[in-house]
Amino acid sequence: MLHRAVEDVSTGSDSDYSRFWISWFLSSKGNEYFCEVDEDFILDRFNLTSLNNEVSNYTQALDLITDQLDDDIQDELRGSLDVQARLLYGLIHARWIVTARGLTKMIEKYRRAEFGRCPRVMCQLQPLLPVGLTDTPYEKSVKLYCGRCEDLYSPKSSRHGSIDGAYFGTTFPHLLFLVYPTLIPPKTGSTDIGASSTSGKGAREGENKIRRRLREEMDPAIAEGGGENISTASVAMKAERYKPRIYGFQLNEIAKLQRWQEAVRDRQVARLEESEERVS
């Protein structure tokens, strides 16, 4: 069926033909987080530097993405090449969305809240942005970053939750806010991003749904009083914090703030340990 569709498209314009595989990929269920990478960006080999070391059958996978793959080879290696083409497009996508044009396309999806909204009640349905915990493929799935509480969340859909985080990279949301500081959400009050789609009654209903889901997901042992013997200090010490990075470097202002916050937390943990020792 796909082979026949490629033949049909080949009779159209060069632009339509070269974008066919990408259009099919973007329209597939579970790929709603991705945006379309410009053809010129893909065809510029400088933008693909070192990706041949990440993807097996690199040349054929690139030809499949650009619909230039020979029909005979496509029939023989269709299954494996499709997997490699998805990997290659994902890695290209991670590089594309940190360019000026890529950021613009992702901002459009962010304004429509296509990546979901923060489940934290006090964030008041703040739209989220996809981010990877590593730039290496096959290690961590994609997470969603809230610019308001500066924390990470897992996608609601299992389809989205299985997307490789390397397809968005560790830099994207933080570079977006650095380039477009007007998009940085306020820490208090309502957010204007995506407000048109959920305002008034719809926003209240959304908040109520989030509260109900959080109550349902609460640990039963803690909800029933089973957490009385849990050490508060030990829980605080195990708490992990997400550290935003751009091209591997932690943001200066955020880094200074987090160092101060961690120092305060360490002092509080020390006081908790002392009080727990006195009680015991």
C-alpha atoms as a PDB file:
ATOM      1  CA  MET A   1       0.000   0.000   0.000  1.00  0.00           C
ATOM      2  CA  LEU A   2       2.807   2.389   0.950  1.00  0.00           C
ATOM      3  CA  HIS A   3       4.693   1.357  -2.181  1.00  0.00           C
ATOM      4  CA  ARG A   4       1.671   2.186  -4.322  1.00  0.00           C
ATOM      5  CA  ALA A   5       1.230   5.523  -2.536  1.00  0.00           C
ATOM      6  CA  VAL A   6       4.845   6.439  -3.254  1.00  0.00           C
ATOM      7  CA  GLU A   7       4.244   5.770  -6.950  1.00  0.00           C
ATOM      8  CA  ASP A   8       1.183   8.042  -6.871  1.00  0.00           C
ATOM      9  CA  VAL A   9       3.066  10.840  -5.158  1.00  0.00           C
ATOM     10  CA  SER A  10       5.999  10.575  -7.559  1.00  0.00           C
ATOM     11  CA  THR A  11       3.809  12.034 -10.292  1.00  0.00           C
ATOM     12  CA  GLY A  12       3.345  15.245  -8.272  1.00  0.00           C
ATOM     13  CA  SER A  13       5.715  18.101  -7.573  1.00  0.00           C
ATOM     14  CA  ASP A  14       9.260  17.520  -6.349  1.00  0.00           C
ATOM     15  CA  SER A  15       8.404  19.200  -3.052  1.00  0.00           C
ATOM     16  CA  ASP A  16       5.414  16.948  -2.358  1.00  0.00           C
ATOM     17  CA  TYR A  17       7.364  13.858  -3.353  1.00  0.00           C
ATOM     18  CA  SER A  18      10.326  14.629  -1.105  1.00  0.00           C
ATOM     19  CA  ARG A  19       8.094  15.227   1.912  1.00  0.00           C
ATOM     20  CA  PHE A  20       5.885  12.157   1.544  1.00  0.00           C
ATOM     21  CA  TRP A  21       7.540   9.851   4.113  1.00  0.00           C
ATOM     22  CA  ILE A  22       7.694  12.679   6.623  1.00  0.00           C
ATOM     23  CA  SER A  23       3.997  13.464   6.113  1.00  0.00           C
ATOM     24  CA  TRP A  24       3.130   9.798   6.641  1.00  0.00           C
ATOM     25  CA  PHE A  25       5.299   9.654   9.771  1.00  0.00           C
ATOM     26  CA  LEU A  26       3.825  12.829  11.282  1.00  0.00           C
ATOM     27  CA  SER A  27       0.252  11.653  10.638  1.00  0.00           C
ATOM     28  CA  SER A  28       0.837   8.327  12.422  1.00  0.00           C
ATOM     29  CA  LYS A  29      -0.704   7.953  15.878  1.00  0.00           C
ATOM     30  CA  GLY A  30       1.737   8.661  18.680  1.00  0.00           C
ATOM     31  CA  ASN A  31       3.872  11.081  16.672  1.00  0.00           C
ATOM     32  CA  GLU A  32       1.910  14.221  17.515  1.00  0.00           C
ATOM     33  CA  TYR A  33       4.847  15.681  19.477  1.00  0.00           C
ATOM     34  CA  PHE A  34       7.004  15.901  16.349  1.00  0.00           C
ATOM     35  CA  CYS A  35       7.041  18.830  13.945  1.00  0.00           C
ATOM     36  CA  GLU A  36       7.948  18.754  10.276  1.00  0.00           C
ATOM     37  CA  VAL A  37      11.635  19.213   9.557  1.00  0.00           C
ATOM     38  CA  ASP A  38      12.293  21.357   6.502  1.00  0.00           C
ATOM     39  CA  GLU A  39      13.552  19.482   3.466  1.00  0.00           C
ATOM     40  CA  ASP A  40      16.487  21.877   3.036  1.00  0.00           C
ATOM     41  CA  PHE A  41      17.686  21.091   6.559  1.00  0.00           C
ATOM     42  CA  ILE A  42      17.631  17.336   5.918  1.00  0.00           C
ATOM     43  CA  LEU A  43      19.411  17.604   2.573  1.00  0.00           C
ATOM     44  CA  ASP A  44      22.222  19.724   4.043  1.00  0.00           C
ATOM     45  CA  ARG A  45      24.732  17.055   5.061  1.00  0.00           C
ATOM     46  CA  PHE A  46      26.441  19.435   7.489  1.00  0.00           C
ATOM     47  CA  ASN A  47      23.327  19.227   9.705  1.00  0.00           C
ATOM     48  CA  LEU A  48      23.638  15.433   9.763  1.00  0.00           C
ATOM     49  CA  THR A  49      27.268  15.310  10.883  1.00  0.00           C
ATOM     50  CA  SER A  50      28.122  12.132  12.862  1.00  0.00           C
ATOM     51  CA  LEU A  51      24.601  10.686  12.577  1.00  0.00           C
ATOM     52  CA  ASN A  52      25.980   7.958  10.342  1.00  0.00           C
ATOM     53  CA  ASN A  53      27.653   6.587  13.492  1.00  0.00           C
ATOM     54  CA  GLU A  54      24.299   6.394  15.280  1.00  0.00           C
ATOM     55  CA  VAL A  55      22.197   4.797  12.535  1.00  0.00           C
ATOM     56  CA  SER A  56      22.887   1.545  10.736  1.00  0.00           C
ATOM     57  CA  ASN A  57      22.079   1.538   7.011  1.00  0.00           C
ATOM     58  CA  TYR A  58      22.360   5.312   7.270  1.00  0.00           C
ATOM     59  CA  THR A  59      22.344   6.046   3.541  1.00  0.00           C
ATOM     60  CA  GLN A  60      19.302   3.873   2.811  1.00  0.00           C
ATOM     61  CA  ALA A  61      17.441   5.286   5.834  1.00  0.00           C
ATOM     62  CA  LEU A  62      18.089   8.830   4.625  1.00  0.00           C
ATOM     63  CA  ASP A  63      16.911   7.885   1.155  1.00  0.00           C
ATOM     64  CA  LEU A  64      13.735   6.435   2.659  1.00  0.00           C
ATOM     65  CA  ILE A  65      13.034   9.664   4.547  1.00  0.00           C
ATOM     66  CA  THR A  66      13.465  11.706   1.376  1.00  0.00           C
ATOM     67  CA  ASP A  67      11.600   9.119  -0.760  1.00  0.00           C
ATOM     68  CA  GLN A  68      14.621   8.461  -2.930  1.00  0.00           C
ATOM     69  CA  LEU A  69      15.087   4.820  -1.965  1.00  0.00           C
ATOM     70  CA  ASP A  70      15.285   2.298  -4.784  1.00  0.00           C
ATOM     71  CA  ASP A  71      12.104   0.190  -4.944  1.00  0.00           C
ATOM     72  CA  ASP A  72      13.975  -3.127  -4.989  1.00  0.00           C
ATOM     73  CA  ILE A  73      15.957  -2.299  -1.845  1.00  0.00           C
ATOM     74  CA  GLN A  74      12.805  -1.018  -0.181  1.00  0.00           C
ATOM     75  CA  ASP A  75      11.056  -4.363  -0.682  1.00  0.00           C
ATOM     76  CA  GLU A  76      13.999  -6.345   0.697  1.00  0.00           C
ATOM     77  CA  LEU A  77      14.800  -4.267   3.773  1.00  0.00           C
ATOM     78  CA  ARG A  78      11.457  -2.560   4.373  1.00  0.00           C
ATOM     79  CA  GLY A  79      11.024  -3.503   8.045  1.00  0.00           C
ATOM     80  CA  SER A  80      14.531  -2.800   9.313  1.00  0.00           C
ATOM     81  CA  LEU A  81      14.916   0.347   7.232  1.00  0.00           C
ATOM     82  CA  ASP A  82      11.687   1.781   8.587  1.00  0.00           C
ATOM     83  CA  VAL A  83      13.023   1.416  12.148  1.00  0.00           C
ATOM     84  CA  GLN A  84      16.294   3.075  11.193  1.00  0.00           C
ATOM     85  CA  ALA A  85      14.477   5.838   9.295  1.00  0.00           C
ATOM     86  CA  ARG A  86      12.436   6.628  12.428  1.00  0.00           C
ATOM     87  CA  LEU A  87      15.616   6.765  14.491  1.00  0.00           C
ATOM     88  CA  LEU A  88      17.353   8.997  11.953  1.00  0.00           C
ATOM     89  CA  TYR A  89      14.397  11.365  11.643  1.00  0.00           C
ATOM     90  CA  GLY A  90      14.164  11.579  15.434  1.00  0.00           C
ATOM     91  CA  LEU A  91      17.823  12.531  15.786  1.00  0.00           C
ATOM     92  CA  ILE A  92      17.510  15.066  12.954  1.00  0.00           C
ATOM     93  CA  HIS A  93      14.389  16.411  14.673  1.00  0.00           C
ATOM     94  CA  ALA A  94      16.335  17.017  17.894  1.00  0.00           C
ATOM     95  CA  ARG A  95      18.791  19.191  15.957  1.00  0.00           C
ATOM     96  CA  TRP A  96      16.086  20.939  13.962  1.00  0.00           C
ATOM     97  CA  ILE A  97      13.971  22.146  16.892  1.00  0.00           C
ATOM     98  CA  VAL A  98      16.867  24.157  18.352  1.00  0.00           C
ATOM     99  CA  THR A  99      17.214  26.193  15.135  1.00  0.00           C
ATOM    100  CA  ALA A 100      15.322  29.456  14.642  1.00  0.00           C
ATOM    101  CA  ARG A 101      12.758  27.913  12.282  1.00  0.00           C
ATOM    102  CA  GLY A 102      12.414  24.808  14.412  1.00  0.00           C
ATOM    103  CA  LEU A 103      11.765  26.844  17.548  1.00  0.00           C
ATOM    104  CA  THR A 104       9.060  28.789  15.706  1.00  0.00           C
ATOM    105  CA  LYS A 105       7.245  25.606  14.730  1.00  0.00           C
ATOM    106  CA  MET A 106       7.416  24.195  18.242  1.00  0.00           C
ATOM    107  CA  ILE A 107       6.144  27.467  19.714  1.00  0.00           C
ATOM    108  CA  GLU A 108       2.988  27.049  17.645  1.00  0.00           C
ATOM    109  CA  LYS A 109       2.410  23.607  19.160  1.00  0.00           C
ATOM    110  CA  TYR A 110       3.245  24.962  22.639  1.00  0.00           C
ATOM    111  CA  ARG A 111       0.682  27.759  22.306  1.00  0.00           C
ATOM    112  CA  ARG A 112      -1.950  25.160  21.406  1.00  0.00           C
ATOM    113  CA  ALA A 113      -0.901  23.058  24.409  1.00  0.00           C
ATOM    114  CA  GLU A 114      -0.363  20.050  22.131  1.00  0.00           C
ATOM    115  CA  PHE A 115       2.138  18.573  24.581  1.00  0.00           C
ATOM    116  CA  GLY A 116      -0.336  18.616  27.452  1.00  0.00           C
ATOM    117  CA  ARG A 117      -0.677  20.672  30.617  1.00  0.00           C
ATOM    118  CA  CYS A 118       1.001  20.524  33.997  1.00  0.00           C
ATOM    119  CA  PRO A 119      -0.856  18.235  36.454  1.00  0.00           C
ATOM    120  CA  ARG A 120       0.267  20.367  39.419  1.00  0.00           C
ATOM    121  CA  VAL A 121      -2.798  22.267  40.622  1.00  0.00           C
ATOM    122  CA  MET A 122      -0.948  25.498  41.453  1.00  0.00           C
ATOM    123  CA  CYS A 123       0.459  25.691  37.915  1.00  0.00           C
ATOM    124  CA  GLN A 124      -3.094  26.343  36.673  1.00  0.00           C
ATOM    125  CA  LEU A 125      -2.926  24.182  33.531  1.00  0.00           C
ATOM    126  CA  GLN A 126       0.411  25.561  32.346  1.00  0.00           C
ATOM    127  CA  PRO A 127       1.284  24.051  28.911  1.00  0.00           C
ATOM    128  CA  LEU A 128       4.261  21.688  28.877  1.00  0.00           C
ATOM    129  CA  LEU A 129       7.251  21.210  26.579  1.00  0.00           C
ATOM    130  CA  PRO A 130       8.940  17.905  25.620  1.00  0.00           C
ATOM    131  CA  VAL A 131      12.492  17.293  26.802  1.00  0.00           C
ATOM    132  CA  GLY A 132      14.948  14.424  26.904  1.00  0.00           C
ATOM    133  CA  LEU A 133      16.957  13.367  29.940  1.00  0.00           C
ATOM    134  CA  THR A 134      19.819  12.374  27.644  1.00  0.00           C
ATOM    135  CA  ASP A 135      20.908  13.054  24.075  1.00  0.00           C
ATOM    136  CA  THR A 136      21.809   9.395  23.546  1.00  0.00           C
ATOM    137  CA  PRO A 137      19.084   7.281  21.907  1.00  0.00           C
ATOM    138  CA  TYR A 138      17.579   4.157  23.516  1.00  0.00           C
ATOM    139  CA  GLU A 139      18.277   5.304  27.089  1.00  0.00           C
ATOM    140  CA  LYS A 140      15.370   7.419  28.385  1.00  0.00           C
ATOM    141  CA  SER A 141      11.883   8.158  27.132  1.00  0.00           C
ATOM    142  CA  VAL A 142      10.638  11.712  26.569  1.00  0.00           C
ATOM    143  CA  LYS A 143       9.445  13.768  29.549  1.00  0.00           C
ATOM    144  CA  LEU A 144       7.394  16.954  29.742  1.00  0.00           C
ATOM    145  CA  TYR A 145       8.865  20.098  31.299  1.00  0.00           C
ATOM    146  CA  CYS A 146       6.790  22.732  33.055  1.00  0.00           C
ATOM    147  CA  GLY A 147       8.355  26.169  32.892  1.00  0.00           C
ATOM    148  CA  ARG A 148       6.307  27.289  35.881  1.00  0.00           C
ATOM    149  CA  CYS A 149       7.203  24.719  38.551  1.00  0.00           C
ATOM    150  CA  GLU A 150      10.389  23.736  36.655  1.00  0.00           C
ATOM    151  CA  ASP A 151       9.678  20.042  37.130  1.00  0.00           C
ATOM    152  CA  LEU A 152       9.255  17.040  34.848  1.00  0.00           C
ATOM    153  CA  TYR A 153       6.227  14.847  34.173  1.00  0.00           C
ATOM    154  CA  SER A 154       5.519  11.720  32.155  1.00  0.00           C
ATOM    155  CA  PRO A 155       3.134  11.912  29.181  1.00  0.00           C
ATOM    156  CA  LYS A 156      -0.390  10.660  29.865  1.00  0.00           C
ATOM    157  CA  SER A 157      -0.555   8.587  26.676  1.00  0.00           C
ATOM    158  CA  SER A 158       1.464   5.369  26.518  1.00  0.00           C
ATOM    159  CA  ARG A 159       2.123   6.108  22.848  1.00  0.00           C
ATOM    160  CA  HIS A 160       3.785   9.393  23.738  1.00  0.00           C
ATOM    161  CA  GLY A 161       5.477   7.860  26.771  1.00  0.00           C
ATOM    162  CA  SER A 162       7.338   5.404  24.551  1.00  0.00           C
ATOM    163  CA  ILE A 163       8.942   8.137  22.407  1.00  0.00           C
ATOM    164  CA  ASP A 164      12.717   8.313  22.798  1.00  0.00           C
ATOM    165  CA  GLY A 165      13.789  11.418  24.704  1.00  0.00           C
ATOM    166  CA  ALA A 166      16.804  11.834  22.413  1.00  0.00           C
ATOM    167  CA  TYR A 167      14.400  12.881  19.650  1.00  0.00           C
ATOM    168  CA  PHE A 168      13.894  16.178  21.535  1.00  0.00           C
ATOM    169  CA  GLY A 169      17.203  16.445  23.366  1.00  0.00           C
ATOM    170  CA  THR A 170      18.126  18.010  26.674  1.00  0.00           C
ATOM    171  CA  THR A 171      18.414  21.572  25.360  1.00  0.00           C
ATOM    172  CA  PHE A 172      15.163  22.417  23.574  1.00  0.00           C
ATOM    173  CA  PRO A 173      12.763  23.876  26.215  1.00  0.00           C
ATOM    174  CA  HIS A 174      15.462  25.864  27.978  1.00  0.00           C
ATOM    175  CA  LEU A 175      16.825  27.332  24.767  1.00  0.00           C
ATOM    176  CA  LEU A 176      13.271  28.271  23.769  1.00  0.00           C
ATOM    177  CA  PHE A 177      12.780  30.277  26.977  1.00  0.00           C
ATOM    178  CA  LEU A 178      16.247  31.803  26.588  1.00  0.00           C
ATOM    179  CA  VAL A 179      15.540  32.982  23.032  1.00  0.00           C
ATOM    180  CA  TYR A 180      11.945  33.985  23.784  1.00  0.00           C
ATOM    181  CA  PRO A 181      11.950  35.276  27.395  1.00  0.00           C
ATOM    182  CA  THR A 182       8.409  36.644  26.957  1.00  0.00           C
ATOM    183  CA  LEU A 183       7.204  33.032  26.917  1.00  0.00           C
ATOM    184  CA  ILE A 184       8.590  32.313  30.393  1.00  0.00           C
ATOM    185  CA  PRO A 185       5.479  31.628  32.490  1.00  0.00           C
ATOM    186  CA  PRO A 186       4.855  33.674  35.647  1.00  0.00           C
ATOM    187  CA  LYS A 187       5.255  31.939  38.989  1.00  0.00           C
ATOM    188  CA  THR A 188       1.907  33.258  40.208  1.00  0.00           C
ATOM    189  CA  GLY A 189      -1.407  34.073  38.576  1.00  0.00           C
ATOM    190  CA  SER A 190      -2.953  32.542  35.481  1.00  0.00           C
ATOM    191  CA  THR A 191      -1.044  31.805  32.281  1.00  0.00           C
ATOM    192  CA  ASP A 192      -1.951  33.308  28.922  1.00  0.00           C
ATOM    193  CA  ILE A 193      -0.454  30.434  26.897  1.00  0.00           C
ATOM    194  CA  GLY A 194      -3.182  28.163  25.567  1.00  0.00           C
ATOM    195  CA  ALA A 195      -5.810  30.005  27.591  1.00  0.00           C
ATOM    196  CA  SER A 196      -8.238  30.384  24.697  1.00  0.00           C
ATOM    197  CA  SER A 197      -8.846  26.656  24.444  1.00  0.00           C
ATOM    198  CA  THR A 198      -9.545  26.155  28.161  1.00  0.00           C
ATOM    199  CA  SER A 199     -10.975  29.252  29.754  1.00  0.00           C
ATOM    200  CA  GLY A 200     -13.721  29.854  32.296  1.00  0.00           C
ATOM    201  CA  LYS A 201     -15.751  26.737  33.009  1.00  0.00           C
ATOM    202  CA  GLY A 202     -13.442  24.545  30.920  1.00  0.00           C
ATOM    203  CA  ALA A 203     -10.406  25.574  32.965  1.00  0.00           C
ATOM    204  CA  ARG A 204     -12.208  24.831  36.248  1.00  0.00           C
ATOM    205  CA  GLU A 205     -13.287  21.436  34.970  1.00  0.00           C
ATOM    206  CA  GLY A 206      -9.699  20.712  33.922  1.00  0.00           C
ATOM    207  CA  GLU A 207      -8.392  21.621  37.387  1.00  0.00           C
ATOM    208  CA  ASN A 208     -11.036  19.418  39.036  1.00  0.00           C
ATOM    209  CA  LYS A 209     -10.036  16.467  36.849  1.00  0.00           C
ATOM    210  CA  ILE A 210      -6.392  16.960  37.781  1.00  0.00           C
ATOM    211  CA  ARG A 211      -7.250  17.051  41.505  1.00  0.00           C
ATOM    212  CA  ARG A 212      -9.318  13.865  41.207  1.00  0.00           C
ATOM    213  CA  ARG A 213      -6.549  12.066  39.336  1.00  0.00           C
ATOM    214  CA  LEU A 214      -3.932  13.112  41.896  1.00  0.00           C
ATOM    215  CA  ARG A 215      -6.122  11.790  44.726  1.00  0.00           C
ATOM    216  CA  GLU A 216      -6.599   8.507  42.887  1.00  0.00           C
ATOM    217  CA  GLU A 217      -2.873   8.132  42.275  1.00  0.00           C
ATOM    218  CA  MET A 218      -1.944   8.896  45.888  1.00  0.00           C
ATOM    219  CA  ASP A 219      -0.062   6.096  47.627  1.00  0.00           C
ATOM    220  CA  PRO A 220      -2.712   4.072  49.557  1.00  0.00           C
ATOM    221  CA  ALA A 221      -0.310   3.435  52.431  1.00  0.00           C
ATOM    222  CA  ILE A 222       0.246   7.137  52.996  1.00  0.00           C
ATOM    223  CA  ALA A 223      -3.423   7.963  52.446  1.00  0.00           C
ATOM    224  CA  GLU A 224      -4.428   5.473  55.162  1.00  0.00           C
ATOM    225  CA  GLY A 225      -1.839   6.682  57.635  1.00  0.00           C
ATOM    226  CA  GLY A 226       0.711   4.008  56.775  1.00  0.00           C
ATOM    227  CA  GLY A 227       3.475   6.560  56.321  1.00  0.00           C
ATOM    228  CA  GLU A 228       3.734   7.527  59.985  1.00  0.00           C
ATOM    229  CA  ASN A 229       7.023   5.664  60.465  1.00  0.00           C
ATOM    230  CA  ILE A 230       8.670   7.121  57.375  1.00  0.00           C
ATOM    231  CA  SER A 231      11.671   9.344  58.111  1.00  0.00           C
ATOM    232  CA  THR A 232      11.078  12.808  56.696  1.00  0.00           C
ATOM    233  CA  ALA A 233      14.814  13.477  56.550  1.00  0.00           C
ATOM    234  CA  SER A 234      15.538  10.303  54.548  1.00  0.00           C
ATOM    235  CA  VAL A 235      12.782  11.138  52.071  1.00  0.00           C
ATOM    236  CA  ALA A 236      14.144  14.672  51.640  1.00  0.00           C
ATOM    237  CA  MET A 237      17.668  13.392  51.023  1.00  0.00           C
ATOM    238  CA  LYS A 238      16.456  10.997  48.295  1.00  0.00           C
ATOM    239  CA  ALA A 239      14.525  13.694  46.434  1.00  0.00           C
ATOM    240  CA  GLU A 240      15.978  14.356  42.993  1.00  0.00           C
ATOM    241  CA  ARG A 241      15.909  17.737  41.293  1.00  0.00           C
ATOM    242  CA  TYR A 242      15.818  18.368  37.582  1.00  0.00           C
ATOM    243  CA  LYS A 243      18.644  20.601  36.402  1.00  0.00           C
ATOM    244  CA  PRO A 244      17.995  22.414  33.097  1.00  0.00           C
ATOM    245  CA  ARG A 245      20.925  22.375  30.699  1.00  0.00           C
ATOM    246  CA  ILE A 246      21.719  23.921  27.322  1.00  0.00           C
ATOM    247  CA  TYR A 247      24.177  21.891  25.254  1.00  0.00           C
ATOM    248  CA  GLY A 248      25.289  20.142  28.437  1.00  0.00           C
ATOM    249  CA  PHE A 249      25.897  23.298  30.481  1.00  0.00           C
ATOM    250  CA  GLN A 250      23.673  24.219  33.397  1.00  0.00           C
ATOM    251  CA  LEU A 251      22.091  27.670  33.168  1.00  0.00           C
ATOM    252  CA  ASN A 252      24.027  30.157  35.301  1.00  0.00           C
ATOM    253  CA  GLU A 253      21.169  31.890  37.130  1.00  0.00           C
ATOM    254  CA  ILE A 254      19.258  28.647  37.692  1.00  0.00           C
ATOM    255  CA  ALA A 255      22.444  26.910  38.826  1.00  0.00           C
ATOM    256  CA  LYS A 256      23.110  29.611  41.447  1.00  0.00           C
ATOM    257  CA  LEU A 257      19.503  29.457  42.646  1.00  0.00           C
ATOM    258  CA  GLN A 258      19.537  25.672  42.888  1.00  0.00           C
ATOM    259  CA  ARG A 259      22.829  25.676  44.820  1.00  0.00           C
ATOM    260  CA  TRP A 260      21.280  28.069  47.332  1.00  0.00           C
ATOM    261  CA  GLN A 261      18.097  25.973  47.529  1.00  0.00           C
ATOM    262  CA  GLU A 262      20.105  22.787  48.042  1.00  0.00           C
ATOM    263  CA  ALA A 263      22.107  24.429  50.821  1.00  0.00           C
ATOM    264  CA  VAL A 264      18.871  25.460  52.532  1.00  0.00           C
ATOM    265  CA  ARG A 265      17.493  21.938  52.083  1.00  0.00           C
ATOM    266  CA  ASP A 266      20.630  20.408  53.610  1.00  0.00           C
ATOM    267  CA  ARG A 267      20.264  22.646  56.676  1.00  0.00           C
ATOM    268  CA  GLN A 268      16.598  21.691  56.992  1.00  0.00           C
ATOM    269  CA  VAL A 269      17.437  17.988  56.655  1.00  0.00           C
ATOM    270  CA  ALA A 270      20.055  18.331  59.405  1.00  0.00           C
ATOM    271  CA  ARG A 271      17.465  19.923  61.698  1.00  0.00           C
ATOM    272  CA  LEU A 272      14.957  17.160  60.878  1.00  0.00           C
ATOM    273  CA  GLU A 273      17.505  14.466  61.684  1.00  0.00           C
ATOM    274  CA  GLU A 274      18.287  16.112  65.024  1.00  0.00           C
ATOM    275  CA  SER A 275      14.598  16.357  65.947  1.00  0.00           C
ATOM    276  CA  GLU A 276      13.972  12.725  64.929  1.00  0.00           C
ATOM    277  CA  GLU A 277      16.901  11.581  67.063  1.00  0.00           C
ATOM    278  CA  ARG A 278      15.518  13.428  70.068  1.00  0.00           C
ATOM    279  CA  VAL A 279      12.077  11.872  69.591  1.00  0.00           C
ATOM    280  CA  SER A 280      13.481   8.354  69.232  1.00  0.00           C
END
